[in-house]
Amino acid sequence: RGDSIRIIGSVNWIDDTAVAFEKYQTLGVAFTAPNFVSIDNPRRQVFNEKYLQRYGKVPSNLSLLGYEMMLFFANQLRTNGVYFQDGLNNAKMVPGHLFQGFIYQFSRDNRLVPFAKFRDGKLTLAETR
């Protein structure tokens, strides 16, 4: 198609079954995906295996989020102490364990926004801003 319009939406659109994944790929839709973790990420695969062994089911996205946040805050407390927000103000980007990372410089919200797209039928990281 000759369209030059970029479609950017929320990764939550994927939960809406009215649109087939193929349409998202065909149209080149980019999704804001702040909690994106590739299914090919080796750390995610290890987490999934350990979670499955312990709880007998595949971890939900909330489980991944909780695990990432606990690691993030534990690392910040170890690195910067109880006033870790001051350390975050000086850090340009803090890499994540599962996620792409965090930018809390001069903000109380994560300013790093990963974008995901469907490629070959699989949701993949497109870029990070």
N, C-alpha and C. Protein backbone atom coordinates (compact mmCIF):
# COMPACT_ATOMS: atom_id res chain seq x y z
N ARG A 1 0.83 -1.19 0.00
CA ARG A 1 0.00 0.00 0.00
C ARG A 1 0.87 1.24 0.00
N GLY A 2 0.33 2.28 -0.56
CA GLY A 2 1.07 3.52 -0.65
C GLY A 2 0.79 4.48 0.49
N ASP A 3 0.11 4.01 1.54
CA ASP A 3 -0.21 4.89 2.66
C ASP A 3 1.06 5.34 3.36
N SER A 4 1.07 6.59 3.77
CA SER A 4 2.22 7.09 4.51
C SER A 4 1.84 7.45 5.94
N ILE A 5 0.65 7.09 6.33
CA ILE A 5 0.18 7.38 7.68
C ILE A 5 0.72 6.31 8.63
N ARG A 6 1.33 6.75 9.72
CA ARG A 6 1.79 5.83 10.74
C ARG A 6 0.69 5.66 11.78
N ILE A 7 0.43 4.43 12.12
CA ILE A 7 -0.56 4.15 13.15
C ILE A 7 0.18 3.73 14.41
N ILE A 8 -0.06 4.47 15.47
CA ILE A 8 0.55 4.17 16.77
C ILE A 8 -0.57 3.98 17.76
N GLY A 9 -0.54 2.87 18.46
CA GLY A 9 -1.58 2.57 19.43
C GLY A 9 -1.01 1.93 20.67
N SER A 10 -1.87 1.62 21.57
CA SER A 10 -1.49 0.96 22.82
C SER A 10 -1.37 -0.54 22.61
N VAL A 11 -0.44 -1.14 23.30
CA VAL A 11 -0.29 -2.59 23.23
C VAL A 11 -1.57 -3.29 23.73
N ASN A 12 -2.40 -2.58 24.45
CA ASN A 12 -3.67 -3.14 24.92
C ASN A 12 -4.62 -3.45 23.76
N TRP A 13 -4.38 -2.84 22.61
CA TRP A 13 -5.21 -3.13 21.44
C TRP A 13 -5.14 -4.61 21.09
N ILE A 14 -4.05 -5.24 21.38
CA ILE A 14 -3.86 -6.65 21.02
C ILE A 14 -4.90 -7.53 21.72
N ASP A 15 -5.35 -7.10 22.88
CA ASP A 15 -6.36 -7.86 23.63
C ASP A 15 -7.73 -7.84 22.95
N ASP A 16 -7.94 -6.87 22.06
CA ASP A 16 -9.21 -6.76 21.35
C ASP A 16 -9.21 -7.76 20.19
N THR A 17 -10.05 -8.74 20.27
CA THR A 17 -10.06 -9.82 19.28
C THR A 17 -10.77 -9.43 17.97
N ALA A 18 -11.28 -8.20 17.88
CA ALA A 18 -11.98 -7.78 16.67
C ALA A 18 -11.02 -7.58 15.49
N VAL A 19 -9.74 -7.36 15.79
CA VAL A 19 -8.74 -7.15 14.74
C VAL A 19 -7.73 -8.29 14.79
N ALA A 20 -7.51 -8.91 13.65
CA ALA A 20 -6.54 -10.02 13.56
C ALA A 20 -5.12 -9.45 13.60
N PHE A 21 -4.21 -10.22 14.18
CA PHE A 21 -2.81 -9.79 14.28
C PHE A 21 -2.22 -9.48 12.90
N GLU A 22 -2.68 -10.21 11.90
CA GLU A 22 -2.16 -10.00 10.54
C GLU A 22 -2.41 -8.57 10.06
N LYS A 23 -3.55 -8.00 10.46
CA LYS A 23 -3.87 -6.62 10.06
C LYS A 23 -2.88 -5.65 10.67
N TYR A 24 -2.54 -5.86 11.95
CA TYR A 24 -1.57 -4.99 12.59
C TYR A 24 -0.23 -5.04 11.86
N GLN A 25 0.16 -6.25 11.45
CA GLN A 25 1.43 -6.40 10.74
C GLN A 25 1.35 -5.77 9.36
N THR A 26 0.27 -6.03 8.63
CA THR A 26 0.11 -5.49 7.28
C THR A 26 0.11 -3.96 7.28
N LEU A 27 -0.54 -3.36 8.27
CA LEU A 27 -0.63 -1.90 8.35
C LEU A 27 0.60 -1.27 9.02
N GLY A 28 1.49 -2.11 9.56
CA GLY A 28 2.70 -1.60 10.21
C GLY A 28 2.41 -0.85 11.49
N VAL A 29 1.38 -1.27 12.22
CA VAL A 29 1.00 -0.59 13.46
C VAL A 29 2.12 -0.73 14.49
N ALA A 30 2.49 0.37 15.11
CA ALA A 30 3.45 0.38 16.21
C ALA A 30 2.67 0.56 17.51
N PHE A 31 3.06 -0.19 18.51
CA PHE A 31 2.38 -0.14 19.80
C PHE A 31 3.31 0.43 20.86
N THR A 32 2.78 1.35 21.67
CA THR A 32 3.53 1.73 22.86
C THR A 32 3.44 0.55 23.81
N ALA A 33 4.57 0.07 24.25
CA ALA A 33 4.60 -1.15 25.06
C ALA A 33 5.56 -0.98 26.23
N PRO A 34 5.16 -0.21 27.26
CA PRO A 34 6.08 0.09 28.35
C PRO A 34 6.57 -1.14 29.11
N ASN A 35 5.81 -2.22 29.09
CA ASN A 35 6.21 -3.43 29.81
C ASN A 35 6.58 -4.56 28.85
N PHE A 36 7.09 -4.19 27.68
CA PHE A 36 7.41 -5.20 26.67
C PHE A 36 8.59 -6.06 27.09
N VAL A 37 8.39 -7.37 27.01
CA VAL A 37 9.45 -8.35 27.22
C VAL A 37 9.33 -9.37 26.10
N SER A 38 10.35 -9.45 25.27
CA SER A 38 10.33 -10.38 24.15
C SER A 38 10.24 -11.82 24.65
N ILE A 39 9.46 -12.62 23.95
CA ILE A 39 9.38 -14.04 24.33
C ILE A 39 10.69 -14.75 24.03
N ASP A 40 11.56 -14.13 23.25
CA ASP A 40 12.87 -14.70 22.95
C ASP A 40 13.95 -14.29 23.96
N ASN A 41 13.61 -13.41 24.88
CA ASN A 41 14.56 -12.94 25.88
C ASN A 41 14.98 -14.12 26.77
N PRO A 42 16.27 -14.48 26.81
CA PRO A 42 16.71 -15.61 27.63
C PRO A 42 16.36 -15.48 29.10
N ARG A 43 16.40 -14.27 29.63
CA ARG A 43 16.04 -14.07 31.05
C ARG A 43 14.56 -14.35 31.27
N ARG A 44 13.74 -13.99 30.31
CA ARG A 44 12.31 -14.29 30.42
C ARG A 44 12.09 -15.80 30.37
N GLN A 45 12.81 -16.48 29.51
CA GLN A 45 12.66 -17.93 29.40
C GLN A 45 13.04 -18.62 30.70
N VAL A 46 14.12 -18.17 31.35
CA VAL A 46 14.53 -18.74 32.64
C VAL A 46 13.45 -18.45 33.69
N PHE A 47 12.96 -17.20 33.72
CA PHE A 47 11.90 -16.84 34.66
C PHE A 47 10.66 -17.71 34.44
N ASN A 48 10.26 -17.86 33.17
CA ASN A 48 9.08 -18.68 32.84
C ASN A 48 9.25 -20.12 33.34
N GLU A 49 10.43 -20.70 33.11
CA GLU A 49 10.68 -22.09 33.53
C GLU A 49 10.60 -22.23 35.05
N LYS A 50 11.25 -21.32 35.77
CA LYS A 50 11.23 -21.38 37.24
C LYS A 50 9.84 -21.14 37.79
N TYR A 51 9.11 -20.21 37.20
CA TYR A 51 7.75 -19.91 37.63
C TYR A 51 6.84 -21.12 37.40
N LEU A 52 6.99 -21.73 36.23
CA LEU A 52 6.19 -22.90 35.89
C LEU A 52 6.48 -24.06 36.84
N GLN A 53 7.74 -24.27 37.17
CA GLN A 53 8.10 -25.33 38.12
C GLN A 53 7.49 -25.08 39.49
N ARG A 54 7.52 -23.84 39.92
CA ARG A 54 7.05 -23.52 41.27
C ARG A 54 5.52 -23.45 41.38
N TYR A 55 4.87 -22.82 40.39
CA TYR A 55 3.44 -22.56 40.50
C TYR A 55 2.57 -23.39 39.56
N GLY A 56 3.19 -24.12 38.64
CA GLY A 56 2.44 -25.00 37.76
C GLY A 56 1.67 -24.30 36.67
N LYS A 57 2.00 -23.05 36.39
CA LYS A 57 1.35 -22.31 35.30
C LYS A 57 2.31 -21.28 34.74
N VAL A 58 2.01 -20.81 33.55
CA VAL A 58 2.82 -19.79 32.90
C VAL A 58 2.60 -18.45 33.60
N PRO A 59 3.65 -17.67 33.81
CA PRO A 59 3.47 -16.39 34.51
C PRO A 59 2.67 -15.39 33.67
N SER A 60 1.86 -14.61 34.36
CA SER A 60 1.08 -13.56 33.70
C SER A 60 1.99 -12.35 33.48
N ASN A 61 1.48 -11.39 32.74
CA ASN A 61 2.22 -10.14 32.55
C ASN A 61 2.42 -9.41 33.87
N LEU A 62 1.46 -9.54 34.78
CA LEU A 62 1.61 -8.91 36.10
C LEU A 62 2.72 -9.58 36.90
N SER A 63 2.90 -10.88 36.72
CA SER A 63 4.01 -11.57 37.39
C SER A 63 5.34 -11.06 36.88
N LEU A 64 5.45 -10.88 35.56
CA LEU A 64 6.68 -10.33 34.98
C LEU A 64 6.93 -8.92 35.50
N LEU A 65 5.88 -8.12 35.55
CA LEU A 65 6.00 -6.75 36.03
C LEU A 65 6.45 -6.72 37.49
N GLY A 66 5.83 -7.53 38.33
CA GLY A 66 6.20 -7.59 39.75
C GLY A 66 7.64 -8.02 39.95
N TYR A 67 8.07 -9.02 39.20
CA TYR A 67 9.44 -9.51 39.29
C TYR A 67 10.43 -8.41 38.88
N GLU A 68 10.14 -7.74 37.77
CA GLU A 68 11.02 -6.67 37.29
C GLU A 68 11.09 -5.53 38.30
N MET A 69 9.96 -5.15 38.86
CA MET A 69 9.94 -4.03 39.81
C MET A 69 10.70 -4.36 41.09
N MET A 70 10.55 -5.58 41.58
CA MET A 70 11.29 -5.98 42.79
C MET A 70 12.80 -5.94 42.53
N LEU A 71 13.24 -6.43 41.39
CA LEU A 71 14.66 -6.37 41.05
C LEU A 71 15.13 -4.92 40.90
N PHE A 72 14.31 -4.11 40.24
CA PHE A 72 14.67 -2.71 40.03
C PHE A 72 14.84 -1.97 41.36
N PHE A 73 13.84 -2.08 42.24
CA PHE A 73 13.92 -1.35 43.50
C PHE A 73 14.99 -1.91 44.43
N ALA A 74 15.20 -3.21 44.43
CA ALA A 74 16.28 -3.79 45.24
C ALA A 74 17.64 -3.26 44.76
N ASN A 75 17.82 -3.20 43.45
CA ASN A 75 19.07 -2.68 42.89
C ASN A 75 19.25 -1.20 43.23
N GLN A 76 18.17 -0.44 43.16
CA GLN A 76 18.25 0.98 43.48
C GLN A 76 18.56 1.21 44.95
N LEU A 77 17.95 0.42 45.82
CA LEU A 77 18.23 0.55 47.25
C LEU A 77 19.68 0.18 47.54
N ARG A 78 20.19 -0.86 46.89
CA ARG A 78 21.57 -1.28 47.09
C ARG A 78 22.54 -0.22 46.56
N THR A 79 22.22 0.35 45.41
CA THR A 79 23.12 1.31 44.75
C THR A 79 23.05 2.71 45.37
N ASN A 80 21.83 3.18 45.64
CA ASN A 80 21.64 4.58 46.03
C ASN A 80 21.07 4.77 47.43
N GLY A 81 20.79 3.70 48.15
CA GLY A 81 20.24 3.84 49.49
C GLY A 81 18.77 4.21 49.48
N VAL A 82 18.29 4.62 50.65
CA VAL A 82 16.85 4.87 50.80
C VAL A 82 16.36 6.08 50.00
N TYR A 83 17.25 6.98 49.65
CA TYR A 83 16.87 8.12 48.81
C TYR A 83 17.28 7.85 47.37
N PHE A 84 16.89 6.67 46.89
CA PHE A 84 17.32 6.25 45.55
C PHE A 84 16.81 7.17 44.45
N GLN A 85 15.73 7.91 44.72
CA GLN A 85 15.22 8.82 43.69
C GLN A 85 16.26 9.89 43.34
N ASP A 86 17.10 10.25 44.29
CA ASP A 86 18.17 11.21 43.99
C ASP A 86 19.17 10.59 43.01
N GLY A 87 19.48 9.33 43.20
CA GLY A 87 20.37 8.64 42.27
C GLY A 87 19.75 8.50 40.89
N LEU A 88 18.44 8.28 40.86
CA LEU A 88 17.76 8.16 39.56
C LEU A 88 17.75 9.48 38.81
N ASN A 89 17.73 10.59 39.54
CA ASN A 89 17.80 11.90 38.88
C ASN A 89 19.12 12.10 38.15
N ASN A 90 20.17 11.45 38.63
CA ASN A 90 21.50 11.60 38.01
C ASN A 90 21.77 10.54 36.95
N ALA A 91 20.97 9.51 36.90
CA ALA A 91 21.18 8.43 35.93
C ALA A 91 20.41 8.73 34.65
N LYS A 92 21.08 8.60 33.52
CA LYS A 92 20.38 8.83 32.26
C LYS A 92 19.45 7.68 31.94
N MET A 93 19.94 6.45 32.08
CA MET A 93 19.12 5.27 31.78
C MET A 93 19.60 4.12 32.65
N VAL A 94 18.65 3.42 33.24
CA VAL A 94 18.96 2.25 34.06
C VAL A 94 18.44 1.04 33.30
N PRO A 95 19.32 0.12 32.91
CA PRO A 95 18.85 -1.06 32.18
C PRO A 95 17.95 -1.93 33.05
N GLY A 96 16.98 -2.56 32.43
CA GLY A 96 16.11 -3.48 33.14
C GLY A 96 16.66 -4.90 33.09
N HIS A 97 16.10 -5.75 33.91
CA HIS A 97 16.47 -7.17 33.88
C HIS A 97 15.70 -7.87 32.77
N LEU A 98 14.40 -7.64 32.73
CA LEU A 98 13.55 -8.18 31.68
C LEU A 98 13.12 -7.09 30.70
N PHE A 99 12.78 -5.93 31.24
CA PHE A 99 12.30 -4.82 30.43
C PHE A 99 13.47 -4.12 29.75
N GLN A 100 13.15 -3.19 28.86
CA GLN A 100 14.18 -2.45 28.13
C GLN A 100 15.00 -1.55 29.04
N GLY A 101 14.36 -1.00 30.05
CA GLY A 101 15.08 -0.13 30.97
C GLY A 101 14.18 0.96 31.52
N PHE A 102 14.81 1.90 32.22
CA PHE A 102 14.07 2.94 32.92
C PHE A 102 14.81 4.26 32.81
N ILE A 103 14.06 5.32 32.59
CA ILE A 103 14.62 6.67 32.64
C ILE A 103 13.74 7.47 33.59
N TYR A 104 14.26 7.72 34.79
CA TYR A 104 13.54 8.50 35.78
C TYR A 104 14.23 9.84 36.03
N GLN A 105 15.14 10.22 35.14
CA GLN A 105 15.86 11.47 35.31
C GLN A 105 14.87 12.63 35.27
N PHE A 106 14.83 13.40 36.34
CA PHE A 106 13.96 14.58 36.49
C PHE A 106 12.48 14.22 36.34
N SER A 107 12.10 13.02 36.73
CA SER A 107 10.72 12.59 36.59
C SER A 107 10.40 11.52 37.63
N ARG A 108 9.16 11.39 37.97
CA ARG A 108 8.70 10.31 38.84
C ARG A 108 8.02 9.21 38.02
N ASP A 109 8.01 9.38 36.70
CA ASP A 109 7.46 8.39 35.78
C ASP A 109 8.57 7.90 34.86
N ASN A 110 8.49 6.64 34.47
CA ASN A 110 9.46 6.10 33.53
C ASN A 110 9.27 6.78 32.18
N ARG A 111 10.30 7.46 31.72
CA ARG A 111 10.20 8.20 30.45
C ARG A 111 10.69 7.38 29.26
N LEU A 112 11.14 6.17 29.50
CA LEU A 112 11.56 5.30 28.39
C LEU A 112 10.33 4.57 27.86
N VAL A 113 10.07 4.72 26.59
CA VAL A 113 8.90 4.10 25.99
C VAL A 113 9.32 3.17 24.84
N PRO A 114 9.22 1.86 25.06
CA PRO A 114 9.48 0.93 23.96
C PRO A 114 8.28 0.88 23.01
N PHE A 115 8.57 0.71 21.72
CA PHE A 115 7.54 0.51 20.72
C PHE A 115 7.72 -0.89 20.15
N ALA A 116 6.61 -1.58 19.98
CA ALA A 116 6.64 -2.95 19.45
C ALA A 116 5.83 -3.02 18.17
N LYS A 117 6.22 -3.95 17.29
CA LYS A 117 5.51 -4.20 16.04
C LYS A 117 5.47 -5.70 15.80
N PHE A 118 4.49 -6.11 14.99
CA PHE A 118 4.45 -7.50 14.56
C PHE A 118 5.39 -7.68 13.38
N ARG A 119 6.25 -8.67 13.48
CA ARG A 119 7.14 -9.07 12.39
C ARG A 119 7.09 -10.59 12.30
N ASP A 120 6.80 -11.07 11.13
CA ASP A 120 6.69 -12.53 10.92
C ASP A 120 5.73 -13.17 11.92
N GLY A 121 4.64 -12.45 12.22
CA GLY A 121 3.62 -12.98 13.12
C GLY A 121 3.97 -12.94 14.59
N LYS A 122 5.08 -12.29 14.94
CA LYS A 122 5.52 -12.25 16.34
C LYS A 122 5.73 -10.80 16.76
N LEU A 123 5.28 -10.45 17.97
CA LEU A 123 5.46 -9.10 18.49
C LEU A 123 6.92 -8.91 18.87
N THR A 124 7.56 -7.90 18.27
CA THR A 124 8.98 -7.66 18.51
C THR A 124 9.23 -6.19 18.82
N LEU A 125 10.36 -5.92 19.44
CA LEU A 125 10.74 -4.55 19.75
C LEU A 125 11.06 -3.81 18.45
N ALA A 126 10.43 -2.67 18.25
CA ALA A 126 10.68 -1.87 17.04
C ALA A 126 11.72 -0.81 17.33
N GLU A 127 11.53 -0.08 18.42
CA GLU A 127 12.47 0.95 18.84
C GLU A 127 12.13 1.40 20.24
N THR A 128 13.05 2.16 20.82
CA THR A 128 12.84 2.68 22.17
C THR A 128 13.11 4.17 22.14
N ARG A 129 12.21 4.92 22.78
CA ARG A 129 12.39 6.39 22.85
C ARG A 129 12.24 6.86 24.26
